[in-house]
C-alpha atoms as a PDB file:
ATOM      1  CA  MET A   1     114.069  34.632  93.094  1.00  0.00           C
ATOM      2  CA  GLN A   2     111.538  36.581  92.366  1.00  0.00           C
ATOM      3  CA  ARG A   3     111.955  38.565  88.296  1.00  0.00           C
ATOM      4  CA  LEU A   4     110.774  41.717  86.871  1.00  0.00           C
ATOM      5  CA  ILE A   5     111.668  42.602  83.195  1.00  0.00           C
ATOM      6  CA  LEU A   6     111.225  45.319  81.339  1.00  0.00           C
ATOM      7  CA  ILE A   7     111.251  45.263  77.462  1.00  0.00           C
ATOM      8  CA  ARG A   8     111.632  48.080  75.616  1.00  0.00           C
ATOM      9  CA  GLY A   9     111.065  48.883  72.344  1.00  0.00           C
ATOM     10  CA  LEU A  10     109.823  51.502  69.616  1.00  0.00           C
ATOM     11  CA  PRO A  11     106.064  50.030  68.012  1.00  0.00           C
ATOM     12  CA  GLY A  12     106.820  47.376  65.605  1.00  0.00           C
ATOM     13  CA  SER A  13     110.099  45.477  67.798  1.00  0.00           C
ATOM     14  CA  GLY A  14     109.101  43.122  68.484  1.00  0.00           C
ATOM     15  CA  LYS A  15     108.469  43.355  72.556  1.00  0.00           C
ATOM     16  CA  SER A  16     105.424  41.971  72.846  1.00  0.00           C
ATOM     17  CA  THR A  17     106.646  38.746  70.897  1.00  0.00           C
ATOM     18  CA  LEU A  18     109.240  38.493  73.136  1.00  0.00           C
ATOM     19  CA  ALA A  19     107.832  38.786  76.386  1.00  0.00           C
ATOM     20  CA  LYS A  20     105.446  35.621  75.591  1.00  0.00           C
ATOM     21  CA  LYS A  21     109.081  33.963  75.529  1.00  0.00           C
ATOM     22  CA  PHE A  22     109.342  34.889  78.819  1.00  0.00           C
ATOM     23  CA  ALA A  23     107.266  31.195  79.625  1.00  0.00           C
ATOM     24  CA  ASN A  24     108.039  31.983  83.225  1.00  0.00           C
ATOM     25  CA  CYS A  25     106.790  35.233  83.588  1.00  0.00           C
ATOM     26  CA  THR A  26     103.320  37.455  84.282  1.00  0.00           C
ATOM     27  CA  HIS A  27     103.388  39.514  80.572  1.00  0.00           C
ATOM     28  CA  VAL A  28     101.482  42.556  81.414  1.00  0.00           C
ATOM     29  CA  GLU A  29     101.948  45.462  79.158  1.00  0.00           C
ATOM     30  CA  ALA A  30      99.590  49.039  78.674  1.00  0.00           C
ATOM     31  CA  ASP A  31      98.247  47.683  75.485  1.00  0.00           C
ATOM     32  CA  MET A  32      96.307  45.201  77.428  1.00  0.00           C
ATOM     33  CA  TYR A  33      93.963  48.075  78.672  1.00  0.00           C
ATOM     34  CA  PHE A  34      92.536  48.870  75.122  1.00  0.00           C
ATOM     35  CA  VAL A  35      91.635  45.211  74.340  1.00  0.00           C
ATOM     36  CA  SER A  36      88.316  44.548  74.974  1.00  0.00           C
ATOM     37  CA  ALA A  37      86.732  42.296  77.335  1.00  0.00           C
ATOM     38  CA  ALA A  38      84.055  41.256  75.004  1.00  0.00           C
ATOM     39  CA  THR A  39      85.163  41.077  71.573  1.00  0.00           C
ATOM     40  CA  GLY A  40      88.904  40.540  72.082  1.00  0.00           C
ATOM     41  CA  GLU A  41      89.623  43.250  69.546  1.00  0.00           C
ATOM     42  CA  TYR A  42      92.143  46.023  70.241  1.00  0.00           C
ATOM     43  CA  GLN A  43      90.241  49.333  70.843  1.00  0.00           C
ATOM     44  CA  PHE A  44      92.919  52.534  70.873  1.00  0.00           C
ATOM     45  CA  ASN A  45      91.571  55.438  72.168  1.00  0.00           C
ATOM     46  CA  PRO A  46      94.337  57.893  72.853  1.00  0.00           C
ATOM     47  CA  SER A  47      92.255  59.736  75.956  1.00  0.00           C
ATOM     48  CA  TYR A  48      93.245  56.609  78.012  1.00  0.00           C
ATOM     49  CA  ILE A  49      96.963  56.466  77.827  1.00  0.00           C
ATOM     50  CA  LYS A  50      97.561  57.496  81.395  1.00  0.00           C
ATOM     51  CA  ALA A  51      94.615  55.014  82.537  1.00  0.00           C
ATOM     52  CA  ALA A  52      95.825  51.991  80.456  1.00  0.00           C
ATOM     53  CA  HIS A  53      99.637  52.742  82.211  1.00  0.00           C
ATOM     54  CA  GLN A  54      98.226  53.499  85.305  1.00  0.00           C
ATOM     55  CA  TRP A  55      96.648  49.850  84.942  1.00  0.00           C
ATOM     56  CA  CYS A  56      99.770  47.752  83.789  1.00  0.00           C
ATOM     57  CA  LEU A  57     101.874  49.326  87.006  1.00  0.00           C
ATOM     58  CA  ASN A  58      98.549  48.480  89.054  1.00  0.00           C
ATOM     59  CA  LYS A  59      98.585  44.715  87.661  1.00  0.00           C
ATOM     60  CA  THR A  60     102.491  44.314  87.637  1.00  0.00           C
ATOM     61  CA  ARG A  61     102.157  45.730  91.710  1.00  0.00           C
ATOM     62  CA  GLN A  62      99.100  43.205  91.288  1.00  0.00           C
ATOM     63  CA  HIS A  63     101.325  40.010  90.114  1.00  0.00           C
ATOM     64  CA  LEU A  64     104.477  40.670  92.326  1.00  0.00           C
ATOM     65  CA  ASP A  65     102.242  41.204  95.613  1.00  0.00           C
ATOM     66  CA  ASN A  66     101.497  37.004  94.386  1.00  0.00           C
ATOM     67  CA  ASN A  67     105.074  36.678  93.621  1.00  0.00           C
ATOM     68  CA  LYS A  68     104.580  36.295  90.278  1.00  0.00           C
ATOM     69  CA  ASN A  69     107.400  36.392  87.837  1.00  0.00           C
ATOM     70  CA  VAL A  70     106.519  39.328  85.865  1.00  0.00           C
ATOM     71  CA  VAL A  71     107.852  40.690  82.249  1.00  0.00           C
ATOM     72  CA  VAL A  72     106.190  44.383  81.215  1.00  0.00           C
ATOM     73  CA  SER A  73     106.585  45.285  77.275  1.00  0.00           C
ATOM     74  CA  ASN A  74     106.055  48.856  76.434  1.00  0.00           C
ATOM     75  CA  THR A  75     107.768  51.344  74.192  1.00  0.00           C
ATOM     76  CA  PHE A  76     109.536  52.913  77.943  1.00  0.00           C
ATOM     77  CA  THR A  77     111.166  55.312  75.192  1.00  0.00           C
ATOM     78  CA  THR A  78     112.354  57.815  78.012  1.00  0.00           C
ATOM     79  CA  HIS A  79     114.004  56.961  81.538  1.00  0.00           C
ATOM     80  CA  TRP A  80     111.011  58.542  83.284  1.00  0.00           C
ATOM     81  CA  GLU A  81     108.548  56.524  82.065  1.00  0.00           C
ATOM     82  CA  MET A  82     110.569  53.733  83.579  1.00  0.00           C
ATOM     83  CA  GLN A  83     110.803  55.179  87.268  1.00  0.00           C
ATOM     84  CA  PRO A  84     108.142  53.777  88.597  1.00  0.00           C
ATOM     85  CA  TYR A  85     109.210  49.375  87.857  1.00  0.00           C
ATOM     86  CA  LEU A  86     111.785  50.749  88.881  1.00  0.00           C
ATOM     87  CA  GLU A  87     111.150  51.311  92.349  1.00  0.00           C
ATOM     88  CA  LEU A  88     108.431  48.425  92.312  1.00  0.00           C
ATOM     89  CA  ALA A  89     111.743  46.220  91.584  1.00  0.00           C
ATOM     90  CA  LYS A  90     113.728  47.964  94.934  1.00  0.00           C
ATOM     91  CA  GLU A  91     110.211  47.789  96.818  1.00  0.00           C
ATOM     92  CA  PHE A  92     109.990  44.449  96.104  1.00  0.00           C
ATOM     93  CA  ASN A  93     113.685  43.983  96.372  1.00  0.00           C
ATOM     94  CA  ILE A  94     113.880  42.304  93.063  1.00  0.00           C
ATOM     95  CA  ARG A  95     117.683  43.402  90.502  1.00  0.00           C
ATOM     96  CA  PRO A  96     114.712  44.213  87.427  1.00  0.00           C
ATOM     97  CA  ASP A  97     116.045  43.223  83.805  1.00  0.00           C
ATOM     98  CA  ILE A  98     115.913  45.928  81.059  1.00  0.00           C
ATOM     99  CA  ILE A  99     115.787  44.194  77.518  1.00  0.00           C
ATOM    100  CA  LYS A 100     116.190  46.948  74.872  1.00  0.00           C
ATOM    101  CA  ALA A 101     113.530  45.230  71.452  1.00  0.00           C
ATOM    102  CA  GLU A 102     115.137  45.785  68.310  1.00  0.00           C
ATOM    103  CA  GLY A 103     113.127  44.235  65.789  1.00  0.00           C
ATOM    104  CA  GLN A 104     112.046  46.308  62.290  1.00  0.00           C
ATOM    105  CA  TRP A 105     108.096  44.328  61.523  1.00  0.00           C
ATOM    106  CA  GLU A 106     105.028  45.999  60.963  1.00  0.00           C
ATOM    107  CA  SER A 107     103.352  47.813  63.751  1.00  0.00           C
ATOM    108  CA  VAL A 108     100.764  45.249  64.918  1.00  0.00           C
ATOM    109  CA  HIS A 109      98.692  48.569  66.070  1.00  0.00           C
ATOM    110  CA  ASN A 110      98.791  50.445  63.054  1.00  0.00           C
ATOM    111  CA  VAL A 111     100.671  53.004  65.430  1.00  0.00           C
ATOM    112  CA  PRO A 112     101.352  55.447  61.730  1.00  0.00           C
ATOM    113  CA  PHE A 113     104.784  55.975  60.031  1.00  0.00           C
ATOM    114  CA  GLU A 114     104.680  59.771  61.793  1.00  0.00           C
ATOM    115  CA  VAL A 115     104.223  58.563  65.736  1.00  0.00           C
ATOM    116  CA  ILE A 116     107.034  55.911  65.873  1.00  0.00           C
ATOM    117  CA  GLU A 117     109.952  58.401  64.493  1.00  0.00           C
ATOM    118  CA  ARG A 118     108.313  61.265  67.355  1.00  0.00           C
ATOM    119  CA  MET A 119     109.662  58.017  69.877  1.00  0.00           C
ATOM    120  CA  ARG A 120     112.965  57.727  67.523  1.00  0.00           C
ATOM    121  CA  ALA A 121     113.823  61.051  68.168  1.00  0.00           C
ATOM    122  CA  ARG A 122     112.712  61.061  71.671  1.00  0.00           C
ATOM    123  CA  TRP A 123     114.748  57.810  72.780  1.00  0.00           C
ATOM    124  CA  GLU A 124     116.675  57.317  75.229  1.00  0.00           C
ATOM    125  CA  GLU A 125     119.524  54.691  75.264  1.00  0.00           C
END
């Protein structure tokens, strides 16, 4: 049976690390959009965040279309952010697994503390 796993958590919670433990799944996350194909460097640009999330959703669909198991690790601080993925799961007749990453490490993308605190304030269980 095909799987769709959604890992949610604040920056530095270990989402990407946890996603990599699902060896039988293709890992996708919006942050991958900001990795330069030429240099492999992460170059975040907030003006492209919407495009990054659309890219992530499109990649997830593409992998599901190819009968792959997929693990998506994004912050998903609110329920509506997960909704497109839940709709994909329904479309593919998959019962999604939702995992909350709760580690407390330094953000590898240097997300400022104030930004993380704003995300924490809007978190929906």
